[in-house]
Amino acid sequence: MTKDIDHARLAIIFNDLRLPAIKHGWPILAERADKRGWPAARFLAALAEHKIANAIAAASSGISPRPSCRQANPSIASTTKCCQ
């Protein structure tokens, strides 16, 4: 039961964060991490790599990416490294 609740909660969170690639890919990566005994940082790195791979695939297929943080919120662009 807890597993179902966690899955549903994460689906909502990833929807809210607009992270469909992670929403769909994390269960497989989590299972792999559990089987291999990965530390949390390794699991997070794998999720980030999954997101990057999907963004590259989307860009090469002509799908428009989400706006950069500078476009989305100019007031934080100068204080974050995401725009650099």
PDB file of N, CA and C in Angstrom:
ATOM      1  N   MET A   1       0.818  -1.196   0.000  1.00  0.00           N
ATOM      2  CA  MET A   1       0.000   0.000   0.000  1.00  0.00           C
ATOM      3  C   MET A   1       0.863   1.262   0.000  1.00  0.00           C
ATOM      4  N   THR A   2       1.890   1.308   0.846  1.00  0.00           N
ATOM      5  CA  THR A   2       2.766   2.483   0.908  1.00  0.00           C
ATOM      6  C   THR A   2       3.427   2.718  -0.438  1.00  0.00           C
ATOM      7  N   LYS A   3       3.838   1.648  -1.106  1.00  0.00           N
ATOM      8  CA  LYS A   3       4.480   1.776  -2.411  1.00  0.00           C
ATOM      9  C   LYS A   3       3.537   2.452  -3.403  1.00  0.00           C
ATOM     10  N   ASP A   4       2.260   2.073  -3.406  1.00  0.00           N
ATOM     11  CA  ASP A   4       1.286   2.685  -4.308  1.00  0.00           C
ATOM     12  C   ASP A   4       1.105   4.171  -4.008  1.00  0.00           C
ATOM     13  N   ILE A   5       1.070   4.506  -2.729  1.00  0.00           N
ATOM     14  CA  ILE A   5       0.924   5.905  -2.321  1.00  0.00           C
ATOM     15  C   ILE A   5       2.141   6.705  -2.766  1.00  0.00           C
ATOM     16  N   ASP A   6       3.342   6.156  -2.558  1.00  0.00           N
ATOM     17  CA  ASP A   6       4.563   6.833  -2.976  1.00  0.00           C
ATOM     18  C   ASP A   6       4.589   7.045  -4.484  1.00  0.00           C
ATOM     19  N   HIS A   7       4.190   6.044  -5.253  1.00  0.00           N
ATOM     20  CA  HIS A   7       4.163   6.157  -6.712  1.00  0.00           C
ATOM     21  C   HIS A   7       3.186   7.242  -7.140  1.00  0.00           C
ATOM     22  N   ALA A   8       2.019   7.260  -6.550  1.00  0.00           N
ATOM     23  CA  ALA A   8       1.014   8.272  -6.897  1.00  0.00           C
ATOM     24  C   ALA A   8       1.503   9.667  -6.510  1.00  0.00           C
ATOM     25  N   ARG A   9       2.099   9.779  -5.347  1.00  0.00           N
ATOM     26  CA  ARG A   9       2.606  11.072  -4.886  1.00  0.00           C
ATOM     27  C   ARG A   9       3.706  11.583  -5.810  1.00  0.00           C
ATOM     28  N   LEU A  10       4.626  10.700  -6.194  1.00  0.00           N
ATOM     29  CA  LEU A  10       5.699  11.101  -7.093  1.00  0.00           C
ATOM     30  C   LEU A  10       5.157  11.495  -8.467  1.00  0.00           C
ATOM     31  N   ALA A  11       4.144  10.797  -8.955  1.00  0.00           N
ATOM     32  CA  ALA A  11       3.539  11.161 -10.238  1.00  0.00           C
ATOM     33  C   ALA A  11       2.996  12.587 -10.189  1.00  0.00           C
ATOM     34  N   ILE A  12       2.340  12.929  -9.101  1.00  0.00           N
ATOM     35  CA  ILE A  12       1.809  14.291  -8.933  1.00  0.00           C
ATOM     36  C   ILE A  12       2.945  15.304  -8.864  1.00  0.00           C
ATOM     37  N   ILE A  13       3.971  14.985  -8.091  1.00  0.00           N
ATOM     38  CA  ILE A  13       5.110  15.898  -7.945  1.00  0.00           C
ATOM     39  C   ILE A  13       5.789  16.136  -9.292  1.00  0.00           C
ATOM     40  N   PHE A  14       6.052  15.059 -10.037  1.00  0.00           N
ATOM     41  CA  PHE A  14       6.718  15.212 -11.323  1.00  0.00           C
ATOM     42  C   PHE A  14       5.839  15.944 -12.333  1.00  0.00           C
ATOM     43  N   ASN A  15       4.520  15.768 -12.236  1.00  0.00           N
ATOM     44  CA  ASN A  15       3.613  16.565 -13.076  1.00  0.00           C
ATOM     45  C   ASN A  15       3.726  18.039 -12.720  1.00  0.00           C
ATOM     46  N   ASP A  16       3.684  18.337 -11.436  1.00  0.00           N
ATOM     47  CA  ASP A  16       3.768  19.729 -10.983  1.00  0.00           C
ATOM     48  C   ASP A  16       5.081  20.376 -11.396  1.00  0.00           C
ATOM     49  N   LEU A  17       6.156  19.607 -11.380  1.00  0.00           N
ATOM     50  CA  LEU A  17       7.475  20.123 -11.760  1.00  0.00           C
ATOM     51  C   LEU A  17       7.707  20.091 -13.272  1.00  0.00           C
ATOM     52  N   ARG A  18       6.736  19.552 -13.990  1.00  0.00           N
ATOM     53  CA  ARG A  18       6.834  19.416 -15.451  1.00  0.00           C
ATOM     54  C   ARG A  18       8.062  18.606 -15.844  1.00  0.00           C
ATOM     55  N   LEU A  19       8.149  17.418 -15.260  1.00  0.00           N
ATOM     56  CA  LEU A  19       9.259  16.504 -15.536  1.00  0.00           C
ATOM     57  C   LEU A  19       8.725  15.155 -16.032  1.00  0.00           C
ATOM     58  N   PRO A  20       8.130  15.128 -17.223  1.00  0.00           N
ATOM     59  CA  PRO A  20       7.541  13.878 -17.701  1.00  0.00           C
ATOM     60  C   PRO A  20       8.559  12.762 -17.921  1.00  0.00           C
ATOM     61  N   ALA A  21       9.771  13.098 -18.344  1.00  0.00           N
ATOM     62  CA  ALA A  21      10.781  12.060 -18.570  1.00  0.00           C
ATOM     63  C   ALA A  21      11.130  11.352 -17.259  1.00  0.00           C
ATOM     64  N   ILE A  22      11.271  12.126 -16.216  1.00  0.00           N
ATOM     65  CA  ILE A  22      11.576  11.524 -14.911  1.00  0.00           C
ATOM     66  C   ILE A  22      10.356  10.782 -14.377  1.00  0.00           C
ATOM     67  N   LYS A  23       9.179  11.344 -14.584  1.00  0.00           N
ATOM     68  CA  LYS A  23       7.948  10.694 -14.122  1.00  0.00           C
ATOM     69  C   LYS A  23       7.837   9.278 -14.687  1.00  0.00           C
ATOM     70  N   HIS A  24       8.176   9.134 -15.958  1.00  0.00           N
ATOM     71  CA  HIS A  24       8.040   7.824 -16.594  1.00  0.00           C
ATOM     72  C   HIS A  24       9.260   6.931 -16.398  1.00  0.00           C
ATOM     73  N   GLY A  25      10.422   7.513 -16.159  1.00  0.00           N
ATOM     74  CA  GLY A  25      11.637   6.719 -16.074  1.00  0.00           C
ATOM     75  C   GLY A  25      12.081   6.317 -14.690  1.00  0.00           C
ATOM     76  N   TRP A  26      11.602   7.017 -13.654  1.00  0.00           N
ATOM     77  CA  TRP A  26      12.145   6.758 -12.326  1.00  0.00           C
ATOM     78  C   TRP A  26      11.847   5.359 -11.795  1.00  0.00           C
ATOM     79  N   PRO A  27      10.676   4.737 -12.079  1.00  0.00           N
ATOM     80  CA  PRO A  27      10.453   3.406 -11.491  1.00  0.00           C
ATOM     81  C   PRO A  27      11.490   2.374 -11.920  1.00  0.00           C
ATOM     82  N   ILE A  28      11.878   2.410 -13.192  1.00  0.00           N
ATOM     83  CA  ILE A  28      12.877   1.461 -13.682  1.00  0.00           C
ATOM     84  C   ILE A  28      14.225   1.733 -13.037  1.00  0.00           C
ATOM     85  N   LEU A  29      14.591   3.016 -12.975  1.00  0.00           N
ATOM     86  CA  LEU A  29      15.868   3.373 -12.350  1.00  0.00           C
ATOM     87  C   LEU A  29      15.868   3.062 -10.858  1.00  0.00           C
ATOM     88  N   ALA A  30      14.741   3.264 -10.199  1.00  0.00           N
ATOM     89  CA  ALA A  30      14.654   2.968  -8.766  1.00  0.00           C
ATOM     90  C   ALA A  30      14.818   1.466  -8.514  1.00  0.00           C
ATOM     91  N   GLU A  31      14.201   0.663  -9.371  1.00  0.00           N
ATOM     92  CA  GLU A  31      14.336  -0.792  -9.224  1.00  0.00           C
ATOM     93  C   GLU A  31      15.790  -1.209  -9.421  1.00  0.00           C
ATOM     94  N   ARG A  32      16.437  -0.632 -10.423  1.00  0.00           N
ATOM     95  CA  ARG A  32      17.842  -0.933 -10.674  1.00  0.00           C
ATOM     96  C   ARG A  32      18.703  -0.496  -9.485  1.00  0.00           C
ATOM     97  N   ALA A  33      18.414   0.692  -8.956  1.00  0.00           N
ATOM     98  CA  ALA A  33      19.173   1.210  -7.813  1.00  0.00           C
ATOM     99  C   ALA A  33      19.010   0.301  -6.596  1.00  0.00           C
ATOM    100  N   ASP A  34      17.777  -0.153  -6.358  1.00  0.00           N
ATOM    101  CA  ASP A  34      17.526  -1.046  -5.226  1.00  0.00           C
ATOM    102  C   ASP A  34      18.295  -2.362  -5.376  1.00  0.00           C
ATOM    103  N   LYS A  35      18.255  -2.937  -6.567  1.00  0.00           N
ATOM    104  CA  LYS A  35      18.931  -4.213  -6.811  1.00  0.00           C
ATOM    105  C   LYS A  35      20.443  -4.102  -6.685  1.00  0.00           C
ATOM    106  N   ARG A  36      20.977  -2.955  -7.101  1.00  0.00           N
ATOM    107  CA  ARG A  36      22.430  -2.779  -7.116  1.00  0.00           C
ATOM    108  C   ARG A  36      22.964  -2.082  -5.874  1.00  0.00           C
ATOM    109  N   GLY A  37      22.072  -1.658  -4.998  1.00  0.00           N
ATOM    110  CA  GLY A  37      22.507  -1.021  -3.763  1.00  0.00           C
ATOM    111  C   GLY A  37      23.137   0.344  -3.967  1.00  0.00           C
ATOM    112  N   TRP A  38      22.638   1.087  -4.954  1.00  0.00           N
ATOM    113  CA  TRP A  38      23.185   2.416  -5.215  1.00  0.00           C
ATOM    114  C   TRP A  38      22.920   3.354  -4.056  1.00  0.00           C
ATOM    115  N   PRO A  39      23.862   4.235  -3.758  1.00  0.00           N
ATOM    116  CA  PRO A  39      23.582   5.302  -2.796  1.00  0.00           C
ATOM    117  C   PRO A  39      22.624   6.317  -3.445  1.00  0.00           C
ATOM    118  N   ALA A  40      22.001   7.122  -2.628  1.00  0.00           N
ATOM    119  CA  ALA A  40      21.007   8.085  -3.117  1.00  0.00           C
ATOM    120  C   ALA A  40      21.587   9.002  -4.191  1.00  0.00           C
ATOM    121  N   ALA A  41      22.816   9.451  -4.020  1.00  0.00           N
ATOM    122  CA  ALA A  41      23.428  10.358  -4.993  1.00  0.00           C
ATOM    123  C   ALA A  41      23.549   9.694  -6.363  1.00  0.00           C
ATOM    124  N   ARG A  42      23.877   8.414  -6.404  1.00  0.00           N
ATOM    125  CA  ARG A  42      23.987   7.697  -7.687  1.00  0.00           C
ATOM    126  C   ARG A  42      22.627   7.608  -8.356  1.00  0.00           C
ATOM    127  N   PHE A  43      21.589   7.333  -7.576  1.00  0.00           N
ATOM    128  CA  PHE A  43      20.235   7.260  -8.115  1.00  0.00           C
ATOM    129  C   PHE A  43      19.816   8.617  -8.684  1.00  0.00           C
ATOM    130  N   LEU A  44      20.080   9.694  -7.949  1.00  0.00           N
ATOM    131  CA  LEU A  44      19.734  11.032  -8.432  1.00  0.00           C
ATOM    132  C   LEU A  44      20.512  11.379  -9.696  1.00  0.00           C
ATOM    133  N   ALA A  45      21.767  10.980  -9.757  1.00  0.00           N
ATOM    134  CA  ALA A  45      22.565  11.220 -10.959  1.00  0.00           C
ATOM    135  C   ALA A  45      21.968  10.477 -12.157  1.00  0.00           C
ATOM    136  N   ALA A  46      21.525   9.252 -11.937  1.00  0.00           N
ATOM    137  CA  ALA A  46      20.911   8.484 -13.016  1.00  0.00           C
ATOM    138  C   ALA A  46      19.625   9.158 -13.494  1.00  0.00           C
ATOM    139  N   LEU A  47      18.825   9.684 -12.575  1.00  0.00           N
ATOM    140  CA  LEU A  47      17.614  10.408 -12.960  1.00  0.00           C
ATOM    141  C   LEU A  47      17.960  11.645 -13.784  1.00  0.00           C
ATOM    142  N   ALA A  48      18.970  12.384 -13.346  1.00  0.00           N
ATOM    143  CA  ALA A  48      19.383  13.586 -14.073  1.00  0.00           C
ATOM    144  C   ALA A  48      19.888  13.219 -15.467  1.00  0.00           C
ATOM    145  N   GLU A  49      20.661  12.147 -15.569  1.00  0.00           N
ATOM    146  CA  GLU A  49      21.159  11.704 -16.869  1.00  0.00           C
ATOM    147  C   GLU A  49      20.001  11.307 -17.777  1.00  0.00           C
ATOM    148  N   HIS A  50      18.996  10.664 -17.223  1.00  0.00           N
ATOM    149  CA  HIS A  50      17.793  10.282 -17.968  1.00  0.00           C
ATOM    150  C   HIS A  50      17.091  11.526 -18.505  1.00  0.00           C
ATOM    151  N   LYS A  51      16.971  12.544 -17.676  1.00  0.00           N
ATOM    152  CA  LYS A  51      16.330  13.797 -18.074  1.00  0.00           C
ATOM    153  C   LYS A  51      17.122  14.461 -19.188  1.00  0.00           C
ATOM    154  N   ILE A  52      18.434  14.514 -19.057  1.00  0.00           N
ATOM    155  CA  ILE A  52      19.280  15.123 -20.083  1.00  0.00           C
ATOM    156  C   ILE A  52      19.148  14.378 -21.411  1.00  0.00           C
ATOM    157  N   ALA A  53      19.181  13.061 -21.354  1.00  0.00           N
ATOM    158  CA  ALA A  53      19.062  12.265 -22.574  1.00  0.00           C
ATOM    159  C   ALA A  53      17.733  12.537 -23.273  1.00  0.00           C
ATOM    160  N   ASN A  54      16.662  12.660 -22.509  1.00  0.00           N
ATOM    161  CA  ASN A  54      15.359  12.953 -23.099  1.00  0.00           C
ATOM    162  C   ASN A  54      15.306  14.359 -23.673  1.00  0.00           C
ATOM    163  N   ALA A  55      15.949  15.310 -23.025  1.00  0.00           N
ATOM    164  CA  ALA A  55      15.980  16.679 -23.535  1.00  0.00           C
ATOM    165  C   ALA A  55      16.757  16.743 -24.852  1.00  0.00           C
ATOM    166  N   ILE A  56      17.865  16.014 -24.933  1.00  0.00           N
ATOM    167  CA  ILE A  56      18.656  15.985 -26.157  1.00  0.00           C
ATOM    168  C   ILE A  56      17.853  15.330 -27.276  1.00  0.00           C
ATOM    169  N   ALA A  57      17.182  14.236 -26.959  1.00  0.00           N
ATOM    170  CA  ALA A  57      16.360  13.558 -27.965  1.00  0.00           C
ATOM    171  C   ALA A  57      15.242  14.465 -28.458  1.00  0.00           C
ATOM    172  N   ALA A  58      14.613  15.195 -27.541  1.00  0.00           N
ATOM    173  CA  ALA A  58      13.543  16.109 -27.920  1.00  0.00           C
ATOM    174  C   ALA A  58      14.083  17.234 -28.797  1.00  0.00           C
ATOM    175  N   ALA A  59      15.241  17.759 -28.438  1.00  0.00           N
ATOM    176  CA  ALA A  59      15.840  18.850 -29.217  1.00  0.00           C
ATOM    177  C   ALA A  59      16.210  18.385 -30.621  1.00  0.00           C
ATOM    178  N   SER A  60      16.727  17.187 -30.731  1.00  0.00           N
ATOM    179  CA  SER A  60      17.131  16.697 -32.049  1.00  0.00           C
ATOM    180  C   SER A  60      15.939  16.319 -32.915  1.00  0.00           C
ATOM    181  N   SER A  61      14.788  16.116 -32.286  1.00  0.00           N
ATOM    182  CA  SER A  61      13.591  15.786 -33.062  1.00  0.00           C
ATOM    183  C   SER A  61      12.775  17.022 -33.409  1.00  0.00           C
ATOM    184  N   GLY A  62      13.252  18.188 -32.971  1.00  0.00           N
ATOM    185  CA  GLY A  62      12.571  19.426 -33.308  1.00  0.00           C
ATOM    186  C   GLY A  62      11.513  19.858 -32.321  1.00  0.00           C
ATOM    187  N   ILE A  63      11.371  19.141 -31.215  1.00  0.00           N
ATOM    188  CA  ILE A  63      10.411  19.521 -30.193  1.00  0.00           C
ATOM    189  C   ILE A  63      10.987  20.695 -29.417  1.00  0.00           C
ATOM    190  N   SER A  64      10.192  21.731 -29.248  1.00  0.00           N
ATOM    191  CA  SER A  64      10.655  22.924 -28.547  1.00  0.00           C
ATOM    192  C   SER A  64      10.852  22.631 -27.064  1.00  0.00           C
ATOM    193  N   PRO A  65      12.034  22.950 -26.510  1.00  0.00           N
ATOM    194  CA  PRO A  65      12.261  22.721 -25.076  1.00  0.00           C
ATOM    195  C   PRO A  65      11.533  23.755 -24.235  1.00  0.00           C
ATOM    196  N   ARG A  66      11.431  23.496 -22.956  1.00  0.00           N
ATOM    197  CA  ARG A  66      10.842  24.462 -22.024  1.00  0.00           C
ATOM    198  C   ARG A  66      11.704  25.711 -21.992  1.00  0.00           C
ATOM    199  N   PRO A  67      11.117  26.850 -21.628  1.00  0.00           N
ATOM    200  CA  PRO A  67      11.924  28.069 -21.558  1.00  0.00           C
ATOM    201  C   PRO A  67      13.032  27.941 -20.526  1.00  0.00           C
ATOM    202  N   SER A  68      14.124  28.647 -20.763  1.00  0.00           N
ATOM    203  CA  SER A  68      15.209  28.648 -19.790  1.00  0.00           C
ATOM    204  C   SER A  68      14.756  29.382 -18.548  1.00  0.00           C
ATOM    205  N   CYS A  69      15.519  29.256 -17.467  1.00  0.00           N
ATOM    206  CA  CYS A  69      15.134  29.944 -16.239  1.00  0.00           C
ATOM    207  C   CYS A  69      15.152  31.451 -16.440  1.00  0.00           C
ATOM    208  N   ARG A  70      16.025  31.943 -17.318  1.00  0.00           N
ATOM    209  CA  ARG A  70      16.084  33.381 -17.596  1.00  0.00           C
ATOM    210  C   ARG A  70      14.779  33.841 -18.245  1.00  0.00           C
ATOM    211  N   GLN A  71      14.258  33.043 -19.173  1.00  0.00           N
ATOM    212  CA  GLN A  71      13.001  33.398 -19.827  1.00  0.00           C
ATOM    213  C   GLN A  71      11.822  33.243 -18.874  1.00  0.00           C
ATOM    214  N   ALA A  72      11.860  32.204 -18.056  1.00  0.00           N
ATOM    215  CA  ALA A  72      10.744  31.923 -17.163  1.00  0.00           C
ATOM    216  C   ALA A  72      10.689  32.889 -15.992  1.00  0.00           C
ATOM    217  N   ASN A  73      11.856  33.277 -15.459  1.00  0.00           N
ATOM    218  CA  ASN A  73      11.879  34.152 -14.301  1.00  0.00           C
ATOM    219  C   ASN A  73      13.153  34.990 -14.311  1.00  0.00           C
ATOM    220  N   PRO A  74      13.148  36.111 -15.014  1.00  0.00           N
ATOM    221  CA  PRO A  74      14.358  36.929 -15.134  1.00  0.00           C
ATOM    222  C   PRO A  74      14.922  37.397 -13.794  1.00  0.00           C
ATOM    223  N   SER A  75      14.090  37.505 -12.766  1.00  0.00           N
ATOM    224  CA  SER A  75      14.574  38.010 -11.482  1.00  0.00           C
ATOM    225  C   SER A  75      15.531  37.047 -10.790  1.00  0.00           C
ATOM    226  N   ILE A  76      15.442  35.738 -11.106  1.00  0.00           N
ATOM    227  CA  ILE A  76      16.360  34.792 -10.469  1.00  0.00           C
ATOM    228  C   ILE A  76      17.525  34.412 -11.369  1.00  0.00           C
ATOM    229  N   ALA A  77      17.460  34.803 -12.616  1.00  0.00           N
ATOM    230  CA  ALA A  77      18.483  34.363 -13.575  1.00  0.00           C
ATOM    231  C   ALA A  77      19.889  34.801 -13.159  1.00  0.00           C
ATOM    232  N   SER A  78      20.018  35.986 -12.609  1.00  0.00           N
ATOM    233  CA  SER A  78      21.350  36.458 -12.256  1.00  0.00           C
ATOM    234  C   SER A  78      21.906  35.807 -11.002  1.00  0.00           C
ATOM    235  N   THR A  79      21.054  35.132 -10.233  1.00  0.00           N
ATOM    236  CA  THR A  79      21.519  34.513  -8.996  1.00  0.00           C
ATOM    237  C   THR A  79      21.660  32.998  -9.104  1.00  0.00           C
ATOM    238  N   THR A  80      21.318  32.435 -10.253  1.00  0.00           N
ATOM    239  CA  THR A  80      21.409  30.988 -10.419  1.00  0.00           C
ATOM    240  C   THR A  80      22.386  30.635 -11.514  1.00  0.00           C
ATOM    241  N   LYS A  81      22.892  29.421 -11.469  1.00  0.00           N
ATOM    242  CA  LYS A  81      23.838  28.963 -12.474  1.00  0.00           C
ATOM    243  C   LYS A  81      23.130  28.260 -13.633  1.00  0.00           C
ATOM    244  N   CYS A  82      21.813  28.083 -13.539  1.00  0.00           N
ATOM    245  CA  CYS A  82      21.125  27.328 -14.584  1.00  0.00           C
ATOM    246  C   CYS A  82      21.155  28.035 -15.924  1.00  0.00           C
ATOM    247  N   CYS A  83      21.334  29.329 -15.941  1.00  0.00           N
ATOM    248  CA  CYS A  83      21.327  30.093 -17.185  1.00  0.00           C
ATOM    249  C   CYS A  83      22.714  30.294 -17.753  1.00  0.00           C
ATOM    250  N   GLN A  84      23.718  29.827 -17.088  1.00  0.00           N
ATOM    251  CA  GLN A  84      25.085  30.078 -17.539  1.00  0.00           C
ATOM    252  C   GLN A  84      25.612  28.939 -18.366  1.00  0.00           C
TER     253      GLN A  84
END
